[in-house]
Amino acid sequence: MKHPEPDDTPIVITDAARSHDDELTARRRRYSIMMGLRVPCLVLAALFYQTPWLAAGLIILSIPLPWMAVIIANDRLPIKRSGFRRYRGELEAPPQRSEERRGLDP
């Protein structure tokens, strides 16, 4: 098997993927935050039992939270796509329009 020729371009460490532990920590944090929002919704619904539309709204809001928390926590973190934008000299001016103009100008 033939090995490719070594490449002289430097390796940028910021292009490396996150470690599995860092990614797992971020996922756990997102899950905990979303599930932590469910408890206050249910407590507020119990406090506002005399206002049925508000209590029902808070309960309905808290129903999909566990499902959403699992879906969002299982989603992989986005890959950072950071590239360097280098200055390459002056930009070319856009092509000039011809003298013939169409529009509202007299």
N, C-alpha and C. Protein backbone atom coordinates (compact mmCIF):
# COMPACT_ATOMS: atom_id res chain seq x y z
N MET A 1 0.85 -1.18 0.00
CA MET A 1 0.00 0.00 0.00
C MET A 1 0.89 1.23 0.00
N LYS A 2 0.58 2.14 -0.88
CA LYS A 2 1.38 3.35 -1.02
C LYS A 2 0.87 4.43 -0.08
N HIS A 3 1.78 5.03 0.67
CA HIS A 3 1.42 6.09 1.59
C HIS A 3 1.46 7.42 0.86
N PRO A 4 0.53 8.33 1.17
CA PRO A 4 0.56 9.64 0.52
C PRO A 4 1.79 10.42 0.96
N GLU A 5 2.18 11.32 0.11
CA GLU A 5 3.32 12.19 0.41
C GLU A 5 2.98 13.08 1.60
N PRO A 6 3.94 13.36 2.46
CA PRO A 6 3.65 14.25 3.60
C PRO A 6 3.30 15.65 3.10
N ASP A 7 2.33 16.21 3.76
CA ASP A 7 1.86 17.55 3.41
C ASP A 7 2.55 18.57 4.31
N ASP A 8 3.04 19.64 3.74
CA ASP A 8 3.75 20.65 4.52
C ASP A 8 2.82 21.70 5.14
N THR A 9 1.52 21.60 4.89
CA THR A 9 0.62 22.60 5.47
C THR A 9 0.48 22.34 6.97
N PRO A 10 0.50 23.38 7.77
CA PRO A 10 0.41 23.20 9.22
C PRO A 10 -0.99 22.75 9.63
N ILE A 11 -1.04 22.01 10.71
CA ILE A 11 -2.31 21.55 11.26
C ILE A 11 -2.76 22.57 12.30
N VAL A 12 -3.99 23.04 12.15
CA VAL A 12 -4.53 24.03 13.08
C VAL A 12 -5.29 23.28 14.16
N ILE A 13 -4.91 23.49 15.40
CA ILE A 13 -5.51 22.76 16.50
C ILE A 13 -6.98 23.13 16.72
N THR A 14 -7.38 24.32 16.29
CA THR A 14 -8.78 24.73 16.46
C THR A 14 -9.71 23.95 15.55
N ASP A 15 -9.17 23.23 14.56
CA ASP A 15 -10.00 22.40 13.69
C ASP A 15 -10.32 21.05 14.32
N ALA A 16 -9.72 20.76 15.46
CA ALA A 16 -9.95 19.47 16.11
C ALA A 16 -11.36 19.40 16.67
N ALA A 17 -11.91 18.21 16.64
CA ALA A 17 -13.26 18.01 17.19
C ALA A 17 -13.20 18.08 18.71
N ARG A 18 -14.35 18.38 19.31
CA ARG A 18 -14.43 18.39 20.77
C ARG A 18 -14.23 16.98 21.30
N SER A 19 -13.71 16.89 22.49
CA SER A 19 -13.54 15.57 23.09
C SER A 19 -14.91 14.99 23.44
N HIS A 20 -14.96 13.68 23.57
CA HIS A 20 -16.22 13.01 23.88
C HIS A 20 -16.74 13.45 25.25
N ASP A 21 -15.84 13.64 26.20
CA ASP A 21 -16.25 14.07 27.55
C ASP A 21 -16.85 15.47 27.53
N ASP A 22 -16.25 16.39 26.77
CA ASP A 22 -16.79 17.75 26.67
C ASP A 22 -18.16 17.75 26.02
N GLU A 23 -18.31 16.93 24.99
CA GLU A 23 -19.59 16.87 24.30
C GLU A 23 -20.66 16.27 25.20
N LEU A 24 -20.31 15.22 25.94
CA LEU A 24 -21.25 14.60 26.85
C LEU A 24 -21.66 15.55 27.97
N THR A 25 -20.72 16.34 28.47
CA THR A 25 -21.02 17.32 29.50
C THR A 25 -22.00 18.37 28.98
N ALA A 26 -21.78 18.84 27.76
CA ALA A 26 -22.68 19.84 27.18
C ALA A 26 -24.08 19.26 26.97
N ARG A 27 -24.15 18.00 26.55
CA ARG A 27 -25.46 17.36 26.36
C ARG A 27 -26.19 17.21 27.69
N ARG A 28 -25.47 16.79 28.72
CA ARG A 28 -26.10 16.65 30.04
C ARG A 28 -26.60 17.98 30.56
N ARG A 29 -25.82 19.04 30.33
CA ARG A 29 -26.23 20.36 30.78
C ARG A 29 -27.52 20.80 30.08
N ARG A 30 -27.60 20.60 28.76
CA ARG A 30 -28.81 20.98 28.03
C ARG A 30 -30.02 20.19 28.53
N TYR A 31 -29.83 18.88 28.75
CA TYR A 31 -30.94 18.05 29.24
C TYR A 31 -31.40 18.51 30.62
N SER A 32 -30.45 18.79 31.50
CA SER A 32 -30.79 19.22 32.86
C SER A 32 -31.53 20.55 32.86
N ILE A 33 -31.11 21.46 32.02
CA ILE A 33 -31.77 22.77 31.95
C ILE A 33 -33.21 22.61 31.47
N MET A 34 -33.39 21.81 30.41
CA MET A 34 -34.76 21.65 29.89
C MET A 34 -35.66 20.91 30.86
N MET A 35 -35.14 19.90 31.52
CA MET A 35 -35.97 19.18 32.50
C MET A 35 -36.18 20.04 33.74
N GLY A 36 -35.23 20.91 34.04
CA GLY A 36 -35.39 21.82 35.16
C GLY A 36 -36.47 22.86 34.91
N LEU A 37 -36.77 23.13 33.65
CA LEU A 37 -37.84 24.07 33.33
C LEU A 37 -39.22 23.46 33.55
N ARG A 38 -39.30 22.14 33.53
CA ARG A 38 -40.60 21.49 33.70
C ARG A 38 -41.14 21.64 35.12
N VAL A 39 -40.28 21.53 36.10
CA VAL A 39 -40.71 21.62 37.49
C VAL A 39 -41.33 22.99 37.80
N PRO A 40 -40.67 24.10 37.43
CA PRO A 40 -41.32 25.39 37.69
C PRO A 40 -42.65 25.57 36.95
N CYS A 41 -42.75 25.00 35.74
CA CYS A 41 -44.03 25.09 35.03
C CYS A 41 -45.15 24.40 35.80
N LEU A 42 -44.86 23.22 36.33
CA LEU A 42 -45.88 22.49 37.09
C LEU A 42 -46.19 23.18 38.42
N VAL A 43 -45.18 23.74 39.07
CA VAL A 43 -45.40 24.46 40.34
C VAL A 43 -46.23 25.71 40.08
N LEU A 44 -45.89 26.44 39.02
CA LEU A 44 -46.67 27.64 38.69
C LEU A 44 -48.11 27.28 38.31
N ALA A 45 -48.29 26.16 37.62
CA ALA A 45 -49.65 25.72 37.28
C ALA A 45 -50.44 25.43 38.55
N ALA A 46 -49.79 24.84 39.54
CA ALA A 46 -50.48 24.56 40.81
C ALA A 46 -50.81 25.86 41.54
N LEU A 47 -49.92 26.85 41.45
CA LEU A 47 -50.17 28.13 42.12
C LEU A 47 -51.29 28.92 41.45
N PHE A 48 -51.41 28.77 40.13
CA PHE A 48 -52.43 29.51 39.38
C PHE A 48 -53.66 28.63 39.08
N TYR A 49 -54.01 27.73 39.99
CA TYR A 49 -55.15 26.86 39.74
C TYR A 49 -56.46 27.64 39.67
N GLN A 50 -56.50 28.84 40.25
CA GLN A 50 -57.73 29.64 40.20
C GLN A 50 -57.88 30.35 38.85
N THR A 51 -56.83 30.39 38.08
CA THR A 51 -56.90 30.93 36.71
C THR A 51 -56.71 29.74 35.77
N PRO A 52 -57.83 29.10 35.40
CA PRO A 52 -57.72 27.82 34.67
C PRO A 52 -56.97 27.91 33.34
N TRP A 53 -57.16 29.01 32.60
CA TRP A 53 -56.50 29.09 31.30
C TRP A 53 -54.98 29.19 31.46
N LEU A 54 -54.52 29.88 32.51
CA LEU A 54 -53.08 30.00 32.75
C LEU A 54 -52.51 28.68 33.26
N ALA A 55 -53.22 28.03 34.17
CA ALA A 55 -52.76 26.75 34.69
C ALA A 55 -52.71 25.70 33.58
N ALA A 56 -53.73 25.68 32.75
CA ALA A 56 -53.76 24.72 31.63
C ALA A 56 -52.65 25.02 30.63
N GLY A 57 -52.39 26.30 30.38
CA GLY A 57 -51.31 26.67 29.46
C GLY A 57 -49.95 26.23 29.97
N LEU A 58 -49.71 26.38 31.26
CA LEU A 58 -48.44 25.96 31.84
C LEU A 58 -48.29 24.43 31.82
N ILE A 59 -49.39 23.73 32.07
CA ILE A 59 -49.33 22.26 32.02
C ILE A 59 -49.09 21.79 30.59
N ILE A 60 -49.79 22.41 29.63
CA ILE A 60 -49.61 22.04 28.23
C ILE A 60 -48.18 22.36 27.78
N LEU A 61 -47.63 23.44 28.28
CA LEU A 61 -46.25 23.79 27.96
C LEU A 61 -45.27 22.78 28.52
N SER A 62 -45.57 22.21 29.68
CA SER A 62 -44.64 21.28 30.31
C SER A 62 -44.74 19.86 29.75
N ILE A 63 -45.79 19.54 29.02
CA ILE A 63 -45.96 18.17 28.51
C ILE A 63 -44.86 17.80 27.49
N PRO A 64 -44.56 18.60 26.48
CA PRO A 64 -43.54 18.17 25.50
C PRO A 64 -42.09 18.38 25.96
N LEU A 65 -41.88 18.98 27.11
CA LEU A 65 -40.51 19.25 27.55
C LEU A 65 -39.63 18.01 27.69
N PRO A 66 -40.10 16.90 28.28
CA PRO A 66 -39.22 15.72 28.36
C PRO A 66 -38.84 15.19 26.98
N TRP A 67 -39.79 15.14 26.09
CA TRP A 67 -39.50 14.67 24.73
C TRP A 67 -38.49 15.59 24.05
N MET A 68 -38.72 16.89 24.14
CA MET A 68 -37.80 17.85 23.53
C MET A 68 -36.42 17.78 24.17
N ALA A 69 -36.37 17.57 25.48
CA ALA A 69 -35.08 17.49 26.18
C ALA A 69 -34.28 16.29 25.68
N VAL A 70 -34.94 15.16 25.48
CA VAL A 70 -34.23 13.97 24.98
C VAL A 70 -33.76 14.19 23.56
N ILE A 71 -34.61 14.72 22.71
CA ILE A 71 -34.23 14.95 21.31
C ILE A 71 -33.06 15.93 21.22
N ILE A 72 -33.13 17.03 21.95
CA ILE A 72 -32.07 18.04 21.88
C ILE A 72 -30.79 17.53 22.53
N ALA A 73 -30.90 16.78 23.63
CA ALA A 73 -29.70 16.28 24.29
C ALA A 73 -29.01 15.21 23.46
N ASN A 74 -29.76 14.44 22.70
CA ASN A 74 -29.15 13.40 21.86
C ASN A 74 -28.59 13.95 20.56
N ASP A 75 -28.91 15.16 20.23
CA ASP A 75 -28.38 15.78 19.02
C ASP A 75 -26.92 16.13 19.25
N ARG A 76 -26.12 15.86 18.25
CA ARG A 76 -24.70 16.17 18.35
C ARG A 76 -24.50 17.68 18.28
N LEU A 77 -23.49 18.16 18.97
CA LEU A 77 -23.19 19.58 18.94
C LEU A 77 -22.75 19.97 17.54
N PRO A 78 -23.03 21.20 17.12
CA PRO A 78 -22.63 21.61 15.78
C PRO A 78 -21.11 21.66 15.65
N ILE A 79 -20.65 21.34 14.46
CA ILE A 79 -19.22 21.38 14.19
C ILE A 79 -18.84 22.83 13.90
N LYS A 80 -17.81 23.28 14.57
CA LYS A 80 -17.37 24.66 14.34
C LYS A 80 -16.64 24.73 13.01
N ARG A 81 -17.10 25.59 12.17
CA ARG A 81 -16.47 25.80 10.87
C ARG A 81 -15.88 27.19 10.87
N SER A 82 -14.68 27.28 11.37
CA SER A 82 -14.06 28.60 11.41
C SER A 82 -12.89 28.61 10.44
N GLY A 83 -12.94 29.53 9.57
CA GLY A 83 -11.84 29.67 8.62
C GLY A 83 -11.24 31.05 8.76
N PHE A 84 -10.04 31.15 8.34
CA PHE A 84 -9.38 32.44 8.40
C PHE A 84 -9.69 33.22 7.14
N ARG A 85 -10.05 34.44 7.31
CA ARG A 85 -10.27 35.31 6.16
C ARG A 85 -9.06 36.21 6.06
N ARG A 86 -8.35 36.04 5.03
CA ARG A 86 -7.11 36.80 4.87
C ARG A 86 -7.34 37.97 3.91
N TYR A 87 -6.64 39.03 4.19
CA TYR A 87 -6.70 40.20 3.32
C TYR A 87 -5.90 39.91 2.07
N ARG A 88 -6.51 40.07 0.93
CA ARG A 88 -5.84 39.75 -0.31
C ARG A 88 -5.65 40.98 -1.20
N GLY A 89 -5.47 42.11 -0.61
CA GLY A 89 -5.29 43.33 -1.39
C GLY A 89 -6.61 44.04 -1.61
N GLU A 90 -6.57 45.05 -2.43
CA GLU A 90 -7.78 45.82 -2.68
C GLU A 90 -8.75 45.01 -3.53
N LEU A 91 -10.01 45.17 -3.21
CA LEU A 91 -11.04 44.52 -4.00
C LEU A 91 -11.22 45.28 -5.29
N GLU A 92 -11.59 44.54 -6.30
CA GLU A 92 -11.86 45.21 -7.57
C GLU A 92 -13.16 46.00 -7.46
N ALA A 93 -13.19 47.14 -8.08
CA ALA A 93 -14.40 47.95 -8.08
C ALA A 93 -15.44 47.26 -8.95
N PRO A 94 -16.71 47.38 -8.58
CA PRO A 94 -17.74 46.77 -9.42
C PRO A 94 -17.76 47.44 -10.79
N PRO A 95 -18.14 46.72 -11.81
CA PRO A 95 -18.16 47.31 -13.16
C PRO A 95 -19.10 48.50 -13.20
N GLN A 96 -18.66 49.52 -13.89
CA GLN A 96 -19.46 50.75 -14.01
C GLN A 96 -20.62 50.51 -14.96
N ARG A 97 -21.74 51.13 -14.63
CA ARG A 97 -22.91 51.05 -15.50
C ARG A 97 -22.71 51.97 -16.69
N SER A 98 -23.38 51.64 -17.73
CA SER A 98 -23.31 52.52 -18.89
C SER A 98 -24.10 53.80 -18.58
N GLU A 99 -23.89 54.80 -19.37
CA GLU A 99 -24.53 56.10 -19.13
C GLU A 99 -26.04 56.01 -19.33
N GLU A 100 -26.47 55.06 -20.12
CA GLU A 100 -27.91 54.93 -20.33
C GLU A 100 -28.54 54.35 -19.06
N ARG A 101 -29.46 55.10 -18.46
CA ARG A 101 -30.10 54.68 -17.23
C ARG A 101 -31.60 54.60 -17.45
N ARG A 102 -32.17 53.65 -16.83
CA ARG A 102 -33.62 53.53 -16.90
C ARG A 102 -34.13 53.66 -15.47
N GLY A 103 -35.14 54.41 -15.29
CA GLY A 103 -35.70 54.58 -13.96
C GLY A 103 -36.42 55.89 -13.83
N LEU A 104 -36.51 56.38 -12.61
CA LEU A 104 -37.28 57.58 -12.34
C LEU A 104 -36.46 58.85 -12.45
N ASP A 105 -35.14 58.75 -12.52
CA ASP A 105 -34.32 59.96 -12.63
C ASP A 105 -34.53 60.64 -13.96
N PRO A 106 -34.63 61.99 -13.99
CA PRO A 106 -34.85 62.69 -15.25
C PRO A 106 -33.59 62.71 -16.11
